């Protein structure tokens, strides 16, 4: 989730169309624009925008598969597939 507004112990964060107030006691120095990895409404760590995109793509692919979609799941895991080609 991306931090929109940060205060003592919590932050207002966005992810897609969702907005939530998140506990930030484990990552107290977050600021607007930061991306945080969230588990059970608590920020666990600050992550890069690139890592946030990879996590978002992975979650989108799981949603696609769970809903019986036939979209391009491989495209959502492009970084992993490319790495496998390099080492394969």
PDB file of N, CA and C in Angstrom:
ATOM      1  N   UNK A   1       0.846  -1.163   0.000  1.00  0.00           N
ATOM      2  CA  UNK A   1       0.000   0.000   0.000  1.00  0.00           C
ATOM      3  C   UNK A   1       0.896   1.232   0.000  1.00  0.00           C
ATOM      4  N   UNK A   2       0.372   2.297  -0.587  1.00  0.00           N
ATOM      5  CA  UNK A   2       1.150   3.532  -0.632  1.00  0.00           C
ATOM      6  C   UNK A   2       0.631   4.514   0.410  1.00  0.00           C
ATOM      7  N   UNK A   3       1.562   5.065   1.167  1.00  0.00           N
ATOM      8  CA  UNK A   3       1.227   6.012   2.228  1.00  0.00           C
ATOM      9  C   UNK A   3       0.762   7.329   1.609  1.00  0.00           C
ATOM     10  N   UNK A   4      -0.398   7.785   2.057  1.00  0.00           N
ATOM     11  CA  UNK A   4      -0.959   9.061   1.614  1.00  0.00           C
ATOM     12  C   UNK A   4      -0.720  10.129   2.674  1.00  0.00           C
ATOM     13  N   UNK A   5      -0.891   9.725   3.920  1.00  0.00           N
ATOM     14  CA  UNK A   5      -0.797  10.653   5.046  1.00  0.00           C
ATOM     15  C   UNK A   5      -0.246   9.872   6.230  1.00  0.00           C
ATOM     16  N   UNK A   6       0.810  10.377   6.865  1.00  0.00           N
ATOM     17  CA  UNK A   6       1.431   9.666   7.987  1.00  0.00           C
ATOM     18  C   UNK A   6       1.300  10.482   9.264  1.00  0.00           C
ATOM     19  N   UNK A   7       1.064   9.774  10.357  1.00  0.00           N
ATOM     20  CA  UNK A   7       0.988  10.401  11.670  1.00  0.00           C
ATOM     21  C   UNK A   7       1.663   9.487  12.678  1.00  0.00           C
ATOM     22  N   UNK A   8       1.584   9.828  13.938  1.00  0.00           N
ATOM     23  CA  UNK A   8       2.211   9.010  14.961  1.00  0.00           C
ATOM     24  C   UNK A   8       1.481   7.677  15.099  1.00  0.00           C
ATOM     25  N   UNK A   9       2.164   6.597  14.750  1.00  0.00           N
ATOM     26  CA  UNK A   9       1.618   5.256  14.938  1.00  0.00           C
ATOM     27  C   UNK A   9       0.668   4.758  13.881  1.00  0.00           C
ATOM     28  N   UNK A  10       0.310   5.595  12.918  1.00  0.00           N
ATOM     29  CA  UNK A  10      -0.594   5.127  11.870  1.00  0.00           C
ATOM     30  C   UNK A  10      -0.406   5.955  10.609  1.00  0.00           C
ATOM     31  N   UNK A  11      -0.921   5.419   9.525  1.00  0.00           N
ATOM     32  CA  UNK A  11      -0.858   6.120   8.247  1.00  0.00           C
ATOM     33  C   UNK A  11      -2.093   5.774   7.437  1.00  0.00           C
ATOM     34  N   UNK A  12      -2.556   6.729   6.669  1.00  0.00           N
ATOM     35  CA  UNK A  12      -3.627   6.498   5.716  1.00  0.00           C
ATOM     36  C   UNK A  12      -2.953   6.023   4.434  1.00  0.00           C
ATOM     37  N   UNK A  13      -3.381   4.861   3.926  1.00  0.00           N
ATOM     38  CA  UNK A  13      -2.727   4.253   2.771  1.00  0.00           C
ATOM     39  C   UNK A  13      -3.741   3.890   1.697  1.00  0.00           C
ATOM     40  N   UNK A  14      -3.271   3.901   0.451  1.00  0.00           N
ATOM     41  CA  UNK A  14      -4.083   3.507  -0.705  1.00  0.00           C
ATOM     42  C   UNK A  14      -3.487   2.279  -1.365  1.00  0.00           C
ATOM     43  N   UNK A  15      -4.391   1.449  -1.883  1.00  0.00           N
ATOM     44  CA  UNK A  15      -4.006   0.346  -2.756  1.00  0.00           C
ATOM     45  C   UNK A  15      -5.157   0.160  -3.739  1.00  0.00           C
ATOM     46  N   UNK A  16      -4.933   0.531  -4.986  1.00  0.00           N
ATOM     47  CA  UNK A  16      -6.017   0.487  -5.961  1.00  0.00           C
ATOM     48  C   UNK A  16      -7.126   1.424  -5.533  1.00  0.00           C
ATOM     49  N   UNK A  17      -8.347   0.917  -5.450  1.00  0.00           N
ATOM     50  CA  UNK A  17      -9.496   1.724  -5.029  1.00  0.00           C
ATOM     51  C   UNK A  17      -9.741   1.660  -3.527  1.00  0.00           C
ATOM     52  N   UNK A  18      -8.852   1.004  -2.809  1.00  0.00           N
ATOM     53  CA  UNK A  18      -9.032   0.802  -1.376  1.00  0.00           C
ATOM     54  C   UNK A  18      -8.189   1.795  -0.586  1.00  0.00           C
ATOM     55  N   UNK A  19      -8.754   2.307   0.491  1.00  0.00           N
ATOM     56  CA  UNK A  19      -8.022   3.195   1.383  1.00  0.00           C
ATOM     57  C   UNK A  19      -8.234   2.696   2.805  1.00  0.00           C
ATOM     58  N   UNK A  20      -7.137   2.566   3.558  1.00  0.00           N
ATOM     59  CA  UNK A  20      -7.220   2.069   4.937  1.00  0.00           C
ATOM     60  C   UNK A  20      -6.247   2.823   5.836  1.00  0.00           C
ATOM     61  N   UNK A  21      -6.591   2.875   7.100  1.00  0.00           N
ATOM     62  CA  UNK A  21      -5.664   3.382   8.101  1.00  0.00           C
ATOM     63  C   UNK A  21      -4.876   2.168   8.599  1.00  0.00           C
ATOM     64  N   UNK A  22      -3.548   2.280   8.539  1.00  0.00           N
ATOM     65  CA  UNK A  22      -2.645   1.180   8.840  1.00  0.00           C
ATOM     66  C   UNK A  22      -1.802   1.515  10.067  1.00  0.00           C
ATOM     67  N   UNK A  23      -1.593   0.536  10.926  1.00  0.00           N
ATOM     68  CA  UNK A  23      -0.705   0.671  12.081  1.00  0.00           C
ATOM     69  C   UNK A  23       0.738   0.719  11.562  1.00  0.00           C
ATOM     70  N   UNK A  24       1.497   1.718  11.992  1.00  0.00           N
ATOM     71  CA  UNK A  24       2.882   1.859  11.536  1.00  0.00           C
ATOM     72  C   UNK A  24       3.889   1.806  12.691  1.00  0.00           C
ATOM     73  N   UNK A  25       3.519   1.190  13.786  1.00  0.00           N
ATOM     74  CA  UNK A  25       4.425   1.140  14.939  1.00  0.00           C
ATOM     75  C   UNK A  25       5.725   0.392  14.625  1.00  0.00           C
ATOM     76  N   UNK A  26       5.697  -0.566  13.698  1.00  0.00           N
ATOM     77  CA  UNK A  26       6.915  -1.301  13.337  1.00  0.00           C
ATOM     78  C   UNK A  26       7.785  -0.544  12.330  1.00  0.00           C
ATOM     79  N   UNK A  27       7.205   0.430  11.648  1.00  0.00           N
ATOM     80  CA  UNK A  27       7.943   1.247  10.675  1.00  0.00           C
ATOM     81  C   UNK A  27       7.581   2.725  10.908  1.00  0.00           C
ATOM     82  N   UNK A  28       8.068   3.293  11.997  1.00  0.00           N
ATOM     83  CA  UNK A  28       7.603   4.608  12.425  1.00  0.00           C
ATOM     84  C   UNK A  28       8.013   5.782  11.541  1.00  0.00           C
ATOM     85  N   UNK A  29       8.965   5.611  10.653  1.00  0.00           N
ATOM     86  CA  UNK A  29       9.458   6.738   9.858  1.00  0.00           C
ATOM     87  C   UNK A  29       8.850   6.825   8.465  1.00  0.00           C
ATOM     88  N   UNK A  30       7.662   6.252   8.256  1.00  0.00           N
ATOM     89  CA  UNK A  30       7.057   6.325   6.920  1.00  0.00           C
ATOM     90  C   UNK A  30       6.590   7.742   6.632  1.00  0.00           C
ATOM     91  N   UNK A  31       6.586   8.056   5.341  1.00  0.00           N
ATOM     92  CA  UNK A  31       6.139   9.378   4.910  1.00  0.00           C
ATOM     93  C   UNK A  31       5.293   9.236   3.657  1.00  0.00           C
ATOM     94  N   UNK A  32       4.490  10.234   3.328  1.00  0.00           N
ATOM     95  CA  UNK A  32       3.666  10.158   2.120  1.00  0.00           C
ATOM     96  C   UNK A  32       4.519   9.817   0.898  1.00  0.00           C
ATOM     97  N   UNK A  33       3.994   8.894   0.104  1.00  0.00           N
ATOM     98  CA  UNK A  33       4.696   8.431  -1.089  1.00  0.00           C
ATOM     99  C   UNK A  33       5.416   7.111  -0.883  1.00  0.00           C
ATOM    100  N   UNK A  34       5.725   6.749   0.377  1.00  0.00           N
ATOM    101  CA  UNK A  34       6.367   5.465   0.656  1.00  0.00           C
ATOM    102  C   UNK A  34       5.414   4.316   0.358  1.00  0.00           C
ATOM    103  N   UNK A  35       5.981   3.193  -0.005  1.00  0.00           N
ATOM    104  CA  UNK A  35       5.227   1.948  -0.168  1.00  0.00           C
ATOM    105  C   UNK A  35       5.532   1.063   1.018  1.00  0.00           C
ATOM    106  N   UNK A  36       4.497   0.446   1.590  1.00  0.00           N
ATOM    107  CA  UNK A  36       4.687  -0.434   2.739  1.00  0.00           C
ATOM    108  C   UNK A  36       4.046  -1.791   2.475  1.00  0.00           C
ATOM    109  N   UNK A  37       4.703  -2.819   2.986  1.00  0.00           N
ATOM    110  CA  UNK A  37       4.160  -4.177   2.939  1.00  0.00           C
ATOM    111  C   UNK A  37       3.268  -4.311   4.165  1.00  0.00           C
ATOM    112  N   UNK A  38       1.997  -4.649   3.957  1.00  0.00           N
ATOM    113  CA  UNK A  38       1.005  -4.667   5.029  1.00  0.00           C
ATOM    114  C   UNK A  38       0.505  -6.086   5.262  1.00  0.00           C
ATOM    115  N   UNK A  39       0.395  -6.457   6.531  1.00  0.00           N
ATOM    116  CA  UNK A  39      -0.171  -7.747   6.921  1.00  0.00           C
ATOM    117  C   UNK A  39      -1.075  -7.495   8.116  1.00  0.00           C
ATOM    118  N   UNK A  40      -2.325  -7.897   7.986  1.00  0.00           N
ATOM    119  CA  UNK A  40      -3.347  -7.707   9.027  1.00  0.00           C
ATOM    120  C   UNK A  40      -3.353  -6.249   9.515  1.00  0.00           C
ATOM    121  N   UNK A  41      -3.480  -5.332   8.554  1.00  0.00           N
ATOM    122  CA  UNK A  41      -3.611  -3.897   8.817  1.00  0.00           C
ATOM    123  C   UNK A  41      -2.435  -3.270   9.570  1.00  0.00           C
ATOM    124  N   UNK A  42      -1.259  -3.889   9.479  1.00  0.00           N
ATOM    125  CA  UNK A  42      -0.062  -3.311  10.082  1.00  0.00           C
ATOM    126  C   UNK A  42       1.066  -3.323   9.058  1.00  0.00           C
ATOM    127  N   UNK A  43       1.747  -2.203   8.919  1.00  0.00           N
ATOM    128  CA  UNK A  43       2.899  -2.123   8.024  1.00  0.00           C
ATOM    129  C   UNK A  43       4.036  -2.928   8.634  1.00  0.00           C
ATOM    130  N   UNK A  44       4.635  -3.803   7.839  1.00  0.00           N
ATOM    131  CA  UNK A  44       5.736  -4.640   8.321  1.00  0.00           C
ATOM    132  C   UNK A  44       7.092  -4.108   7.894  1.00  0.00           C
ATOM    133  N   UNK A  45       7.125  -3.486   6.691  1.00  0.00           N
ATOM    134  CA  UNK A  45       8.372  -2.897   6.215  1.00  0.00           C
ATOM    135  C   UNK A  45       8.085  -1.942   5.070  1.00  0.00           C
ATOM    136  N   UNK A  46       9.008  -1.014   4.885  1.00  0.00           N
ATOM    137  CA  UNK A  46       8.942  -0.114   3.742  1.00  0.00           C
ATOM    138  C   UNK A  46       9.584  -0.845   2.572  1.00  0.00           C
ATOM    139  N   UNK A  47       8.930  -0.821   1.404  1.00  0.00           N
ATOM    140  CA  UNK A  47       9.440  -1.512   0.225  1.00  0.00           C
ATOM    141  C   UNK A  47       9.569  -0.520  -0.928  1.00  0.00           C
ATOM    142  N   UNK A  48      10.304  -0.936  -1.947  1.00  0.00           N
ATOM    143  CA  UNK A  48      10.483  -0.073  -3.119  1.00  0.00           C
ATOM    144  C   UNK A  48       9.224  -0.096  -3.983  1.00  0.00           C
ATOM    145  N   UNK A  49       9.100   0.896  -4.842  1.00  0.00           N
ATOM    146  CA  UNK A  49       7.976   0.934  -5.783  1.00  0.00           C
ATOM    147  C   UNK A  49       8.012  -0.279  -6.703  1.00  0.00           C
ATOM    148  N   UNK A  50       9.207  -0.703  -7.089  1.00  0.00           N
ATOM    149  CA  UNK A  50       9.347  -1.883  -7.943  1.00  0.00           C
ATOM    150  C   UNK A  50       8.863  -3.145  -7.259  1.00  0.00           C
ATOM    151  N   UNK A  51       9.226  -3.326  -5.990  1.00  0.00           N
ATOM    152  CA  UNK A  51       8.750  -4.495  -5.246  1.00  0.00           C
ATOM    153  C   UNK A  51       7.241  -4.428  -5.040  1.00  0.00           C
ATOM    154  N   UNK A  52       6.718  -3.226  -4.817  1.00  0.00           N
ATOM    155  CA  UNK A  52       5.267  -3.070  -4.670  1.00  0.00           C
ATOM    156  C   UNK A  52       4.558  -3.499  -5.952  1.00  0.00           C
ATOM    157  N   UNK A  53       5.119  -3.143  -7.106  1.00  0.00           N
ATOM    158  CA  UNK A  53       4.529  -3.531  -8.392  1.00  0.00           C
ATOM    159  C   UNK A  53       4.565  -5.055  -8.562  1.00  0.00           C
ATOM    160  N   UNK A  54       5.673  -5.684  -8.212  1.00  0.00           N
ATOM    161  CA  UNK A  54       5.782  -7.143  -8.333  1.00  0.00           C
ATOM    162  C   UNK A  54       4.757  -7.842  -7.438  1.00  0.00           C
ATOM    163  N   UNK A  55       4.604  -7.358  -6.219  1.00  0.00           N
ATOM    164  CA  UNK A  55       3.627  -7.946  -5.298  1.00  0.00           C
ATOM    165  C   UNK A  55       2.219  -7.740  -5.833  1.00  0.00           C
ATOM    166  N   UNK A  56       1.934  -6.549  -6.338  1.00  0.00           N
ATOM    167  CA  UNK A  56       0.620  -6.259  -6.914  1.00  0.00           C
ATOM    168  C   UNK A  56       0.326  -7.175  -8.104  1.00  0.00           C
ATOM    169  N   UNK A  57       1.318  -7.377  -8.975  1.00  0.00           N
ATOM    170  CA  UNK A  57       1.137  -8.276 -10.117  1.00  0.00           C
ATOM    171  C   UNK A  57       0.871  -9.706  -9.662  1.00  0.00           C
ATOM    172  N   UNK A  58       1.602 -10.161  -8.649  1.00  0.00           N
ATOM    173  CA  UNK A  58       1.397 -11.525  -8.137  1.00  0.00           C
ATOM    174  C   UNK A  58      -0.009 -11.682  -7.562  1.00  0.00           C
ATOM    175  N   UNK A  59      -0.472 -10.689  -6.814  1.00  0.00           N
ATOM    176  CA  UNK A  59      -1.831 -10.750  -6.255  1.00  0.00           C
ATOM    177  C   UNK A  59      -2.882 -10.715  -7.357  1.00  0.00           C
ATOM    178  N   UNK A  60      -2.646  -9.914  -8.400  1.00  0.00           N
ATOM    179  CA  UNK A  60      -3.577  -9.856  -9.533  1.00  0.00           C
ATOM    180  C   UNK A  60      -3.649 -11.198 -10.241  1.00  0.00           C
ATOM    181  N   UNK A  61      -2.510 -11.879 -10.384  1.00  0.00           N
ATOM    182  CA  UNK A  61      -2.517 -13.182 -11.056  1.00  0.00           C
ATOM    183  C   UNK A  61      -3.270 -14.216 -10.228  1.00  0.00           C
ATOM    184  N   UNK A  62      -3.106 -14.178  -8.913  1.00  0.00           N
ATOM    185  CA  UNK A  62      -3.840 -15.118  -8.057  1.00  0.00           C
ATOM    186  C   UNK A  62      -5.338 -14.881  -8.154  1.00  0.00           C
ATOM    187  N   UNK A  63      -5.740 -13.622  -8.146  1.00  0.00           N
ATOM    188  CA  UNK A  63      -7.159 -13.289  -8.288  1.00  0.00           C
ATOM    189  C   UNK A  63      -7.684 -13.783  -9.626  1.00  0.00           C
ATOM    190  N   UNK A  64      -6.905 -13.576 -10.680  1.00  0.00           N
ATOM    191  CA  UNK A  64      -7.292 -14.019 -12.014  1.00  0.00           C
ATOM    192  C   UNK A  64      -7.513 -15.530 -12.051  1.00  0.00           C
ATOM    193  N   UNK A  65      -6.572 -16.279 -11.519  1.00  0.00           N
ATOM    194  CA  UNK A  65      -6.670 -17.745 -11.524  1.00  0.00           C
ATOM    195  C   UNK A  65      -7.824 -18.212 -10.645  1.00  0.00           C
ATOM    196  N   UNK A  66      -7.973 -17.618  -9.457  1.00  0.00           N
ATOM    197  CA  UNK A  66      -9.032 -18.040  -8.544  1.00  0.00           C
ATOM    198  C   UNK A  66     -10.423 -17.757  -9.100  1.00  0.00           C
ATOM    199  N   UNK A  67     -10.532 -16.758  -9.972  1.00  0.00           N
ATOM    200  CA  UNK A  67     -11.815 -16.432 -10.584  1.00  0.00           C
ATOM    201  C   UNK A  67     -12.025 -17.140 -11.914  1.00  0.00           C
ATOM    202  N   UNK A  68     -11.133 -18.080 -12.232  1.00  0.00           N
ATOM    203  CA  UNK A  68     -11.289 -18.858 -13.454  1.00  0.00           C
ATOM    204  C   UNK A  68     -10.912 -18.102 -14.710  1.00  0.00           C
ATOM    205  N   UNK A  69     -10.203 -16.999 -14.551  1.00  0.00           N
ATOM    206  CA  UNK A  69      -9.817 -16.193 -15.702  1.00  0.00           C
ATOM    207  C   UNK A  69      -8.792 -16.884 -16.570  1.00  0.00           C
ATOM    208  N   UNK A  70      -8.762 -16.506 -17.815  1.00  0.00           N
ATOM    209  CA  UNK A  70      -7.796 -17.093 -18.732  1.00  0.00           C
ATOM    210  C   UNK A  70      -6.857 -16.017 -19.283  1.00  0.00           C
ATOM    211  N   UNK A  71      -6.630 -14.974 -18.481  1.00  0.00           N
ATOM    212  CA  UNK A  71      -5.736 -13.892 -18.893  1.00  0.00           C
ATOM    213  C   UNK A  71      -4.292 -14.346 -18.915  1.00  0.00           C
ATOM    214  N   UNK A  72      -3.420 -13.439 -19.223  1.00  0.00           N
ATOM    215  CA  UNK A  72      -2.003 -13.733 -19.372  1.00  0.00           C
ATOM    216  C   UNK A  72      -1.310 -13.695 -18.010  1.00  0.00           C
ATOM    217  N   UNK A  73      -1.390 -14.809 -17.293  1.00  0.00           N
ATOM    218  CA  UNK A  73      -0.757 -14.913 -15.977  1.00  0.00           C
ATOM    219  C   UNK A  73       0.753 -14.771 -16.106  1.00  0.00           C
ATOM    220  N   UNK A  74       1.331 -15.311 -17.167  1.00  0.00           N
ATOM    221  CA  UNK A  74       2.779 -15.215 -17.352  1.00  0.00           C
ATOM    222  C   UNK A  74       3.245 -13.765 -17.370  1.00  0.00           C
ATOM    223  N   UNK A  75       2.475 -12.879 -17.958  1.00  0.00           N
ATOM    224  CA  UNK A  75       2.861 -11.468 -18.028  1.00  0.00           C
ATOM    225  C   UNK A  75       2.942 -10.854 -16.634  1.00  0.00           C
ATOM    226  N   UNK A  76       2.128 -11.346 -15.712  1.00  0.00           N
ATOM    227  CA  UNK A  76       2.137 -10.827 -14.355  1.00  0.00           C
ATOM    228  C   UNK A  76       3.326 -11.334 -13.543  1.00  0.00           C
ATOM    229  N   UNK A  77       3.984 -12.362 -14.039  1.00  0.00           N
ATOM    230  CA  UNK A  77       5.189 -12.905 -13.406  1.00  0.00           C
ATOM    231  C   UNK A  77       6.386 -12.761 -14.331  1.00  0.00           C
ATOM    232  N   UNK A  78       6.407 -11.706 -15.134  1.00  0.00           N
ATOM    233  CA  UNK A  78       7.453 -11.520 -16.143  1.00  0.00           C
ATOM    234  C   UNK A  78       8.851 -11.522 -15.537  1.00  0.00           C
ATOM    235  N   UNK A  79       9.017 -10.923 -14.365  1.00  0.00           N
ATOM    236  CA  UNK A  79      10.344 -10.874 -13.751  1.00  0.00           C
ATOM    237  C   UNK A  79      10.847 -12.268 -13.384  1.00  0.00           C
ATOM    238  N   UNK A  80       9.969 -13.132 -12.894  1.00  0.00           N
ATOM    239  CA  UNK A  80      10.363 -14.488 -12.516  1.00  0.00           C
ATOM    240  C   UNK A  80      10.645 -15.325 -13.761  1.00  0.00           C
ATOM    241  N   UNK A  81       9.799 -15.188 -14.755  1.00  0.00           N
ATOM    242  CA  UNK A  81       9.983 -15.948 -15.994  1.00  0.00           C
ATOM    243  C   UNK A  81      11.283 -15.550 -16.675  1.00  0.00           C
ATOM    244  N   UNK A  82      11.584 -14.265 -16.700  1.00  0.00           N
ATOM    245  CA  UNK A  82      12.834 -13.790 -17.311  1.00  0.00           C
ATOM    246  C   UNK A  82      14.042 -14.328 -16.554  1.00  0.00           C
ATOM    247  N   UNK A  83      13.978 -14.326 -15.237  1.00  0.00           N
ATOM    248  CA  UNK A  83      15.076 -14.838 -14.424  1.00  0.00           C
ATOM    249  C   UNK A  83      15.286 -16.327 -14.690  1.00  0.00           C
ATOM    250  N   UNK A  84      14.198 -17.061 -14.845  1.00  0.00           N
ATOM    251  CA  UNK A  84      14.300 -18.497 -15.103  1.00  0.00           C
ATOM    252  C   UNK A  84      14.942 -18.753 -16.467  1.00  0.00           C
ATOM    253  N   UNK A  85      14.606 -17.931 -17.466  1.00  0.00           N
ATOM    254  CA  UNK A  85      15.207 -18.074 -18.789  1.00  0.00           C
ATOM    255  C   UNK A  85      16.714 -17.845 -18.726  1.00  0.00           C
ATOM    256  N   UNK A  86      17.129 -16.881 -17.900  1.00  0.00           N
ATOM    257  CA  UNK A  86      18.545 -16.564 -17.770  1.00  0.00           C
ATOM    258  C   UNK A  86      19.328 -17.687 -17.105  1.00  0.00           C
ATOM    259  N   UNK A  87      18.713 -18.375 -16.149  1.00  0.00           N
ATOM    260  CA  UNK A  87      19.412 -19.429 -15.412  1.00  0.00           C
ATOM    261  C   UNK A  87      19.115 -20.824 -15.938  1.00  0.00           C
ATOM    262  N   UNK A  88      18.056 -20.940 -16.759  1.00  0.00           N
ATOM    263  CA  UNK A  88      17.559 -22.227 -17.206  1.00  0.00           C
ATOM    264  C   UNK A  88      18.384 -22.877 -18.221  1.00  0.00           C
TER     265      UNK A  88
END
